[in-house]
Each structure stands twice: as C-alpha cells, then as structure tokens.
Amino acid sequence: MARQFIDLSILLDNDLIADPEFMRPKIQYMKHHDTLPGEGQPFHGVPATHNGTHLDAPWHFHPTMNGGERAITIDEVPLDWCFRPGVKLDFRHFPNGYVVTGEDVEAELRRIGYELQPLDIVLVNTAAGAALGQPDFVDIGCGMGYDATMYLTSRGVRVTGTDAWSWDAPFSYTAEKVKETGDTSLIWEGHKAGRDIGYCHLEKLHNLEALPPFGFTVSCFPHKIKGASAGWTRAVAIIDDQE
C-alpha cells in the first residue's frame, strides 16, 4: 500500500499572520554571497551556528543542486524523505578528524550485511556521540567526505545524519589540512557534495549507540521555516517489536 503524507503544519514566516503582533517571528534572510565573508570564520576560532538537532536542506550547501536546479529550502524538503527505514554506520573507531571514504562506507555495509535501498536514512555514529557536553565536543569524531557522501546519494539516499557537530570532519582538523596543502576544496567537502546530488543531513543527533545496524524507522520532519536553510527536528528512531 502506498504511503501518503499530508502536511498539517503552518510555515514559520515573517509575513504570515498567525499570531498577535508581539509574538510574530522576525527572520533575517541572507543570500549565499552575503555570508561568504564569514564562511572561513570557523577556521579562525569563531564558532558557526545551526543549533540543536536540525536538518540541513540543500539550500544550506549551495544555491543549486542536481547540476543546476535551484536548491530546495527546508520548507520544500519532501516529507517522503523524512520518514524512512534507517541504517546505522558505526564509525566510532575512526580517529578525530578522519575523513570517511566511499570504501569505508562500503566496508561497513558489508560488515553489517545490509544493501542500501533508495531513500534509506543513513545515520553515522561517531566518537562525538559520547562527547556531548564536553568543551571539545566540536573537535570530536570523524566526518563524511565528498566521496562517502556521493556513495550514499548516488544510490538514492536523500537524508543522512551524524551525532557529531557537523557532517564534515571537525573544522579544527580541516583547517590544519588546508593550511598544510593550500587545498580549499577540503572545506565542507561533504556538505558541498549536495551541489551534485541534492540531499539533506541531520546534525547533532544523539543516542545512536542504542540503535541496531538496521531494522528501525527514522522520523525527522523539520520545522517549516519559509525559505530557510535548515529546520529543527525532534529526530526519533522507531523500532517495532518482533513477535
């Protein structure tokens, strides 16, 4: 039986009258070129935002996706992407700053005995999961590189997630690599894979250690903020009892 999704939520929007004047939201929008001066800030000790567990839309990564289409914003993310079978990749053994490759993803899928299906939601369990609340949390865990991200999206995955601060490797490690090599393409390479195939990723998940490798469903519907690059989500894994 086909599953139908009916959206029952309103937009969080500056112009939509849904509250008294004193309670209406005040959202400030910025173009990609407006934020360019601050793009390198994390590499100079200034933290970035996108707080709490949230879902990043393709618009967060680049103005276009899929070879030139306008990247979708968070209120345009298909609901069908956000309630799907989940798969957990256990990369807690990788050192901090390690950039996961497509070969690493393939090896982990082989280890757990799972073949990816289109629209599976793939969650990455890193060492950061156990470091939540520690002062160095943002520097803990591995990250997903361009190759690893494309491995997933080229097989139909459209939502991924991590328990780390970022889908990419911690910025402190990337900054050192860029300084050593001069290769600026290393900056947010996993994010920027969304230019080639549009996808979403969840950041700052938690309790991934409690999940089996597969056999569960992920619900991660984001808040509907008009034209935004991300939305908060109460991400939940659902495990059905096997009688």
C-alpha atoms as a PDB file:
ATOM      1  CA  MET A   1       0.000   0.000   0.000  1.00  0.00           C
ATOM      2  CA  ALA A   2       1.358   3.440  -0.951  1.00  0.00           C
ATOM      3  CA  ARG A   3       2.048   5.811   1.933  1.00  0.00           C
ATOM      4  CA  GLN A   4       0.657   9.333   1.682  1.00  0.00           C
ATOM      5  CA  PHE A   5       1.983  12.287   3.664  1.00  0.00           C
ATOM      6  CA  ILE A   6      -0.324  15.211   4.469  1.00  0.00           C
ATOM      7  CA  ASP A   7       1.359  18.272   5.953  1.00  0.00           C
ATOM      8  CA  LEU A   8      -0.597  19.657   8.906  1.00  0.00           C
ATOM      9  CA  SER A   9       1.855  22.406   9.911  1.00  0.00           C
ATOM     10  CA  ILE A  10       1.929  26.108   9.050  1.00  0.00           C
ATOM     11  CA  LEU A  11       5.006  27.981   7.867  1.00  0.00           C
ATOM     12  CA  LEU A  12       7.148  29.985  10.230  1.00  0.00           C
ATOM     13  CA  ASP A  13       7.146  33.125   8.100  1.00  0.00           C
ATOM     14  CA  ASN A  14       7.599  36.863   8.612  1.00  0.00           C
ATOM     15  CA  ASP A  15       4.535  37.708   6.531  1.00  0.00           C
ATOM     16  CA  LEU A  16       2.070  35.038   7.603  1.00  0.00           C
ATOM     17  CA  ILE A  17      -0.362  36.442  10.190  1.00  0.00           C
ATOM     18  CA  ALA A  18      -0.822  33.596  12.644  1.00  0.00           C
ATOM     19  CA  ASP A  19      -0.023  35.260  15.970  1.00  0.00           C
ATOM     20  CA  PRO A  20      -0.553  38.586  17.728  1.00  0.00           C
ATOM     21  CA  GLU A  21       1.877  41.270  16.566  1.00  0.00           C
ATOM     22  CA  PHE A  22       4.159  40.938  19.607  1.00  0.00           C
ATOM     23  CA  MET A  23       4.572  37.186  19.001  1.00  0.00           C
ATOM     24  CA  ARG A  24       5.266  37.212  15.258  1.00  0.00           C
ATOM     25  CA  PRO A  25       8.655  35.839  14.150  1.00  0.00           C
ATOM     26  CA  LYS A  26      11.437  38.076  12.887  1.00  0.00           C
ATOM     27  CA  ILE A  27      13.530  36.041  10.466  1.00  0.00           C
ATOM     28  CA  GLN A  28      16.552  37.660   8.841  1.00  0.00           C
ATOM     29  CA  TYR A  29      17.430  36.208   5.437  1.00  0.00           C
ATOM     30  CA  MET A  30      20.873  36.364   3.864  1.00  0.00           C
ATOM     31  CA  LYS A  31      21.995  35.411   0.359  1.00  0.00           C
ATOM     32  CA  HIS A  32      24.861  32.998  -0.139  1.00  0.00           C
ATOM     33  CA  HIS A  33      27.194  35.802  -1.254  1.00  0.00           C
ATOM     34  CA  ASP A  34      26.295  37.786   1.876  1.00  0.00           C
ATOM     35  CA  THR A  35      27.600  35.020   4.099  1.00  0.00           C
ATOM     36  CA  LEU A  36      30.818  34.447   2.130  1.00  0.00           C
ATOM     37  CA  PRO A  37      32.961  36.722   4.367  1.00  0.00           C
ATOM     38  CA  GLY A  38      32.021  34.596   7.363  1.00  0.00           C
ATOM     39  CA  GLU A  39      32.495  31.250   5.644  1.00  0.00           C
ATOM     40  CA  GLY A  40      36.032  30.915   6.918  1.00  0.00           C
ATOM     41  CA  GLN A  41      35.276  32.026  10.447  1.00  0.00           C
ATOM     42  CA  PRO A  42      35.302  28.522  11.965  1.00  0.00           C
ATOM     43  CA  PHE A  43      38.881  28.236  10.758  1.00  0.00           C
ATOM     44  CA  HIS A  44      39.866  31.223  12.910  1.00  0.00           C
ATOM     45  CA  GLY A  45      38.274  30.091  16.152  1.00  0.00           C
ATOM     46  CA  VAL A  46      34.836  31.647  15.654  1.00  0.00           C
ATOM     47  CA  PRO A  47      32.032  29.109  16.006  1.00  0.00           C
ATOM     48  CA  ALA A  48      29.219  28.750  13.489  1.00  0.00           C
ATOM     49  CA  THR A  49      25.533  28.313  14.251  1.00  0.00           C
ATOM     50  CA  HIS A  50      22.694  25.873  13.352  1.00  0.00           C
ATOM     51  CA  ASN A  51      21.910  24.916  16.901  1.00  0.00           C
ATOM     52  CA  GLY A  52      20.406  21.744  18.328  1.00  0.00           C
ATOM     53  CA  THR A  53      19.383  18.675  16.369  1.00  0.00           C
ATOM     54  CA  HIS A  54      18.412  20.007  12.954  1.00  0.00           C
ATOM     55  CA  LEU A  55      18.001  19.030   9.332  1.00  0.00           C
ATOM     56  CA  ASP A  56      20.020  20.949   6.752  1.00  0.00           C
ATOM     57  CA  ALA A  57      18.363  21.499   3.379  1.00  0.00           C
ATOM     58  CA  PRO A  58      20.266  21.527   0.060  1.00  0.00           C
ATOM     59  CA  TRP A  59      19.974  25.344   0.101  1.00  0.00           C
ATOM     60  CA  HIS A  60      22.398  25.322   3.041  1.00  0.00           C
ATOM     61  CA  PHE A  61      25.108  23.739   0.909  1.00  0.00           C
ATOM     62  CA  HIS A  62      24.844  25.728  -2.337  1.00  0.00           C
ATOM     63  CA  PRO A  63      22.353  27.819  -4.355  1.00  0.00           C
ATOM     64  CA  THR A  64      21.963  24.970  -6.866  1.00  0.00           C
ATOM     65  CA  MET A  65      21.742  21.192  -6.821  1.00  0.00           C
ATOM     66  CA  ASN A  66      21.482  18.316  -9.310  1.00  0.00           C
ATOM     67  CA  GLY A  67      23.586  20.041 -11.921  1.00  0.00           C
ATOM     68  CA  GLY A  68      21.996  23.476 -11.874  1.00  0.00           C
ATOM     69  CA  GLU A  69      18.497  23.269 -10.399  1.00  0.00           C
ATOM     70  CA  ARG A  70      17.658  25.780  -7.677  1.00  0.00           C
ATOM     71  CA  ALA A  71      18.439  24.112  -4.372  1.00  0.00           C
ATOM     72  CA  ILE A  72      15.354  23.450  -2.264  1.00  0.00           C
ATOM     73  CA  THR A  73      14.892  25.172   1.092  1.00  0.00           C
ATOM     74  CA  ILE A  74      13.792  23.454   4.289  1.00  0.00           C
ATOM     75  CA  ASP A  75      10.085  24.113   3.729  1.00  0.00           C
ATOM     76  CA  GLU A  76      10.377  22.393   0.337  1.00  0.00           C
ATOM     77  CA  VAL A  77      12.013  19.166   1.522  1.00  0.00           C
ATOM     78  CA  PRO A  78       9.727  16.270   0.530  1.00  0.00           C
ATOM     79  CA  LEU A  79       8.066  14.790   3.599  1.00  0.00           C
ATOM     80  CA  ASP A  80       8.543  11.395   1.992  1.00  0.00           C
ATOM     81  CA  TRP A  81      12.277  11.746   2.605  1.00  0.00           C
ATOM     82  CA  CYS A  82      11.819  12.210   6.348  1.00  0.00           C
ATOM     83  CA  PHE A  83      10.083   9.002   7.458  1.00  0.00           C
ATOM     84  CA  ARG A  84      12.057   6.078   6.132  1.00  0.00           C
ATOM     85  CA  PRO A  85      13.939   2.908   7.103  1.00  0.00           C
ATOM     86  CA  GLY A  86      17.136   3.728   8.946  1.00  0.00           C
ATOM     87  CA  VAL A  87      20.635   2.319   8.660  1.00  0.00           C
ATOM     88  CA  LYS A  88      23.413   2.965  11.189  1.00  0.00           C
ATOM     89  CA  LEU A  89      27.075   3.037  10.232  1.00  0.00           C
ATOM     90  CA  ASP A  90      29.339   2.597  13.257  1.00  0.00           C
ATOM     91  CA  PHE A  91      32.438   4.756  12.739  1.00  0.00           C
ATOM     92  CA  ARG A  92      33.271   5.334  16.395  1.00  0.00           C
ATOM     93  CA  HIS A  93      36.651   3.660  15.888  1.00  0.00           C
ATOM     94  CA  PHE A  94      37.882   6.278  13.427  1.00  0.00           C
ATOM     95  CA  PRO A  95      40.154   8.940  14.955  1.00  0.00           C
ATOM     96  CA  ASN A  96      39.075  12.522  15.417  1.00  0.00           C
ATOM     97  CA  GLY A  97      39.311  14.438  12.158  1.00  0.00           C
ATOM     98  CA  TYR A  98      39.303  11.359   9.953  1.00  0.00           C
ATOM     99  CA  VAL A  99      37.510  11.847   6.619  1.00  0.00           C
ATOM    100  CA  VAL A 100      35.370   8.821   5.786  1.00  0.00           C
ATOM    101  CA  THR A 101      35.618   7.498   2.211  1.00  0.00           C
ATOM    102  CA  GLY A 102      33.232   5.610  -0.011  1.00  0.00           C
ATOM    103  CA  GLU A 103      35.310   2.487   0.566  1.00  0.00           C
ATOM    104  CA  ASP A 104      34.787   2.870   4.314  1.00  0.00           C
ATOM    105  CA  VAL A 105      31.022   3.092   3.819  1.00  0.00           C
ATOM    106  CA  GLU A 106      31.019   0.057   1.563  1.00  0.00           C
ATOM    107  CA  ALA A 107      33.079  -1.954   4.062  1.00  0.00           C
ATOM    108  CA  GLU A 108      30.726  -1.074   6.935  1.00  0.00           C
ATOM    109  CA  LEU A 109      27.653  -2.022   4.918  1.00  0.00           C
ATOM    110  CA  ARG A 110      29.311  -5.326   4.107  1.00  0.00           C
ATOM    111  CA  ARG A 111      30.161  -5.861   7.781  1.00  0.00           C
ATOM    112  CA  ILE A 112      26.567  -5.364   8.928  1.00  0.00           C
ATOM    113  CA  GLY A 113      25.172  -7.291   5.966  1.00  0.00           C
ATOM    114  CA  TYR A 114      22.987  -4.573   4.519  1.00  0.00           C
ATOM    115  CA  GLU A 115      22.332  -3.398   0.952  1.00  0.00           C
ATOM    116  CA  LEU A 116      21.265   0.228   0.650  1.00  0.00           C
ATOM    117  CA  GLN A 117      17.816   0.988  -0.713  1.00  0.00           C
ATOM    118  CA  PRO A 118      16.695   4.284  -2.287  1.00  0.00           C
ATOM    119  CA  LEU A 119      15.523   6.802   0.355  1.00  0.00           C
ATOM    120  CA  ASP A 120      17.029   4.904   3.282  1.00  0.00           C
ATOM    121  CA  ILE A 121      18.048   7.315   6.034  1.00  0.00           C
ATOM    122  CA  VAL A 122      21.700   6.673   6.869  1.00  0.00           C
ATOM    123  CA  LEU A 123      22.947   7.674  10.327  1.00  0.00           C
ATOM    124  CA  VAL A 124      26.633   7.867  11.215  1.00  0.00           C
ATOM    125  CA  ASN A 125      27.667   7.003  14.778  1.00  0.00           C
ATOM    126  CA  THR A 126      30.963   8.750  15.605  1.00  0.00           C
ATOM    127  CA  ALA A 127      33.057   9.236  18.721  1.00  0.00           C
ATOM    128  CA  ALA A 128      31.307  12.602  19.159  1.00  0.00           C
ATOM    129  CA  GLY A 129      28.185  10.866  20.432  1.00  0.00           C
ATOM    130  CA  ALA A 130      29.878  10.087  23.748  1.00  0.00           C
ATOM    131  CA  ALA A 131      31.451  13.552  23.974  1.00  0.00           C
ATOM    132  CA  LEU A 132      28.260  15.632  24.009  1.00  0.00           C
ATOM    133  CA  GLY A 133      28.541  18.343  26.655  1.00  0.00           C
ATOM    134  CA  GLN A 134      32.328  18.299  26.775  1.00  0.00           C
ATOM    135  CA  PRO A 135      34.167  21.556  25.995  1.00  0.00           C
ATOM    136  CA  ASP A 136      35.893  19.966  22.984  1.00  0.00           C
ATOM    137  CA  PHE A 137      32.732  18.406  21.522  1.00  0.00           C
ATOM    138  CA  VAL A 138      33.042  20.291  18.225  1.00  0.00           C
ATOM    139  CA  ASP A 139      36.507  18.768  17.687  1.00  0.00           C
ATOM    140  CA  ILE A 140      35.479  15.155  18.301  1.00  0.00           C
ATOM    141  CA  GLY A 141      34.656  12.451  15.774  1.00  0.00           C
ATOM    142  CA  CYS A 142      35.206  11.665  12.137  1.00  0.00           C
ATOM    143  CA  GLY A 143      33.433  13.319   9.223  1.00  0.00           C
ATOM    144  CA  MET A 144      31.928  12.271   5.925  1.00  0.00           C
ATOM    145  CA  GLY A 145      33.915  13.366   2.882  1.00  0.00           C
ATOM    146  CA  TYR A 146      32.728  14.127  -0.634  1.00  0.00           C
ATOM    147  CA  ASP A 147      33.362  10.567  -1.806  1.00  0.00           C
ATOM    148  CA  ALA A 148      31.478   8.991   1.102  1.00  0.00           C
ATOM    149  CA  THR A 149      28.543  11.365   0.670  1.00  0.00           C
ATOM    150  CA  MET A 150      28.321  10.712  -3.063  1.00  0.00           C
ATOM    151  CA  TYR A 151      28.495   6.962  -2.403  1.00  0.00           C
ATOM    152  CA  LEU A 152      25.252   7.311  -0.443  1.00  0.00           C
ATOM    153  CA  THR A 153      23.399   9.836  -2.587  1.00  0.00           C
ATOM    154  CA  SER A 154      24.262   8.128  -5.873  1.00  0.00           C
ATOM    155  CA  ARG A 155      22.407   5.090  -4.509  1.00  0.00           C
ATOM    156  CA  GLY A 156      19.262   7.067  -3.780  1.00  0.00           C
ATOM    157  CA  VAL A 157      19.856   8.158  -0.184  1.00  0.00           C
ATOM    158  CA  ARG A 158      18.422  11.636   0.356  1.00  0.00           C
ATOM    159  CA  VAL A 159      18.632  12.062   4.140  1.00  0.00           C
ATOM    160  CA  THR A 160      21.680  11.295   6.236  1.00  0.00           C
ATOM    161  CA  GLY A 161      22.689  12.156   9.778  1.00  0.00           C
ATOM    162  CA  THR A 162      25.510  12.304  12.300  1.00  0.00           C
ATOM    163  CA  ASP A 163      25.880  12.621  16.059  1.00  0.00           C
ATOM    164  CA  ALA A 164      28.792  14.997  15.519  1.00  0.00           C
ATOM    165  CA  TRP A 165      28.660  18.784  15.329  1.00  0.00           C
ATOM    166  CA  SER A 166      28.988  18.652  11.552  1.00  0.00           C
ATOM    167  CA  TRP A 167      28.531  16.172   8.724  1.00  0.00           C
ATOM    168  CA  ASP A 168      32.099  17.037   7.722  1.00  0.00           C
ATOM    169  CA  ALA A 169      35.187  16.361   9.793  1.00  0.00           C
ATOM    170  CA  PRO A 170      35.768  18.781  12.687  1.00  0.00           C
ATOM    171  CA  PHE A 171      36.854  22.144  11.320  1.00  0.00           C
ATOM    172  CA  SER A 172      39.964  22.302  13.508  1.00  0.00           C
ATOM    173  CA  TYR A 173      41.415  19.318  11.638  1.00  0.00           C
ATOM    174  CA  THR A 174      40.288  20.514   8.226  1.00  0.00           C
ATOM    175  CA  ALA A 175      41.856  23.916   8.871  1.00  0.00           C
ATOM    176  CA  GLU A 176      45.222  22.276   9.526  1.00  0.00           C
ATOM    177  CA  LYS A 177      44.982  20.278   6.299  1.00  0.00           C
ATOM    178  CA  VAL A 178      44.080  23.372   4.293  1.00  0.00           C
ATOM    179  CA  LYS A 179      46.979  25.256   5.884  1.00  0.00           C
ATOM    180  CA  GLU A 180      49.378  22.452   5.002  1.00  0.00           C
ATOM    181  CA  THR A 181      48.160  21.786   1.459  1.00  0.00           C
ATOM    182  CA  GLY A 182      46.512  25.008   0.333  1.00  0.00           C
ATOM    183  CA  ASP A 183      43.628  22.876  -0.943  1.00  0.00           C
ATOM    184  CA  THR A 184      40.485  24.846  -0.071  1.00  0.00           C
ATOM    185  CA  SER A 185      38.275  22.195  -1.705  1.00  0.00           C
ATOM    186  CA  LEU A 186      38.674  20.237   1.552  1.00  0.00           C
ATOM    187  CA  ILE A 187      36.477  22.793   3.341  1.00  0.00           C
ATOM    188  CA  TRP A 188      32.992  21.336   3.857  1.00  0.00           C
ATOM    189  CA  GLU A 189      33.532  18.775   1.104  1.00  0.00           C
ATOM    190  CA  GLY A 190      30.732  16.563   2.418  1.00  0.00           C
ATOM    191  CA  HIS A 191      28.330  19.493   2.509  1.00  0.00           C
ATOM    192  CA  LYS A 192      29.296  20.595  -0.977  1.00  0.00           C
ATOM    193  CA  ALA A 193      28.501  17.171  -2.413  1.00  0.00           C
ATOM    194  CA  GLY A 194      24.932  18.488  -2.313  1.00  0.00           C
ATOM    195  CA  ARG A 195      25.738  20.607  -5.361  1.00  0.00           C
ATOM    196  CA  ASP A 196      25.938  17.437  -7.443  1.00  0.00           C
ATOM    197  CA  ILE A 197      23.078  15.480  -5.866  1.00  0.00           C
ATOM    198  CA  GLY A 198      20.654  17.326  -3.625  1.00  0.00           C
ATOM    199  CA  TYR A 199      20.313  15.777  -0.169  1.00  0.00           C
ATOM    200  CA  CYS A 200      19.670  16.700   3.474  1.00  0.00           C
ATOM    201  CA  HIS A 201      21.630  15.833   6.559  1.00  0.00           C
ATOM    202  CA  LEU A 202      20.867  15.796  10.259  1.00  0.00           C
ATOM    203  CA  GLU A 203      23.494  17.144  12.629  1.00  0.00           C
ATOM    204  CA  LYS A 204      23.902  16.724  16.384  1.00  0.00           C
ATOM    205  CA  LEU A 205      21.880  13.545  16.746  1.00  0.00           C
ATOM    206  CA  HIS A 206      22.213  11.555  19.961  1.00  0.00           C
ATOM    207  CA  ASN A 207      21.885   8.028  21.350  1.00  0.00           C
ATOM    208  CA  LEU A 208      22.867   6.368  18.085  1.00  0.00           C
ATOM    209  CA  GLU A 209      24.683   3.783  20.200  1.00  0.00           C
ATOM    210  CA  ALA A 210      21.269   2.441  21.225  1.00  0.00           C
ATOM    211  CA  LEU A 211      20.314   1.588  17.647  1.00  0.00           C
ATOM    212  CA  PRO A 212      20.821  -1.694  15.833  1.00  0.00           C
ATOM    213  CA  PRO A 213      22.552  -1.504  12.432  1.00  0.00           C
ATOM    214  CA  PHE A 214      19.172  -1.599  10.671  1.00  0.00           C
ATOM    215  CA  GLY A 215      15.583  -2.686  11.239  1.00  0.00           C
ATOM    216  CA  PHE A 216      14.257   0.637  12.508  1.00  0.00           C
ATOM    217  CA  THR A 217      12.436   3.643  11.078  1.00  0.00           C
ATOM    218  CA  VAL A 218      13.616   7.242  11.343  1.00  0.00           C
ATOM    219  CA  SER A 219      11.212  10.161  11.705  1.00  0.00           C
ATOM    220  CA  CYS A 220      12.881  13.558  11.226  1.00  0.00           C
ATOM    221  CA  PHE A 221      10.344  16.071   9.919  1.00  0.00           C
ATOM    222  CA  PRO A 222      11.887  19.571  10.085  1.00  0.00           C
ATOM    223  CA  HIS A 223      10.134  22.715  11.217  1.00  0.00           C
ATOM    224  CA  LYS A 224       8.664  24.614   8.272  1.00  0.00           C
ATOM    225  CA  ILE A 225      10.637  27.859   8.149  1.00  0.00           C
ATOM    226  CA  LYS A 226       9.943  29.605   4.871  1.00  0.00           C
ATOM    227  CA  GLY A 227      12.987  29.866   2.630  1.00  0.00           C
ATOM    228  CA  ALA A 228      15.369  28.688   5.360  1.00  0.00           C
ATOM    229  CA  SER A 229      18.461  26.549   5.010  1.00  0.00           C
ATOM    230  CA  ALA A 230      17.630  24.329   7.984  1.00  0.00           C
ATOM    231  CA  GLY A 231      14.934  23.433  10.464  1.00  0.00           C
ATOM    232  CA  TRP A 232      14.942  21.990  13.955  1.00  0.00           C
ATOM    233  CA  THR A 233      13.651  18.451  14.238  1.00  0.00           C
ATOM    234  CA  ARG A 234      12.741  16.044  17.018  1.00  0.00           C
ATOM    235  CA  ALA A 235      14.509  13.108  15.398  1.00  0.00           C
ATOM    236  CA  VAL A 236      13.125   9.767  16.569  1.00  0.00           C
ATOM    237  CA  ALA A 237      14.040   6.172  15.783  1.00  0.00           C
ATOM    238  CA  ILE A 238      11.147   3.713  15.843  1.00  0.00           C
ATOM    239  CA  ILE A 239      11.833   0.040  16.490  1.00  0.00           C
ATOM    240  CA  ASP A 240       8.905  -2.304  16.095  1.00  0.00           C
ATOM    241  CA  ASP A 241       8.759  -5.270  18.450  1.00  0.00           C
ATOM    242  CA  GLN A 242       9.163  -8.573  16.677  1.00  0.00           C
ATOM    243  CA  GLU A 243       6.598 -11.055  17.932  1.00  0.00           C
END
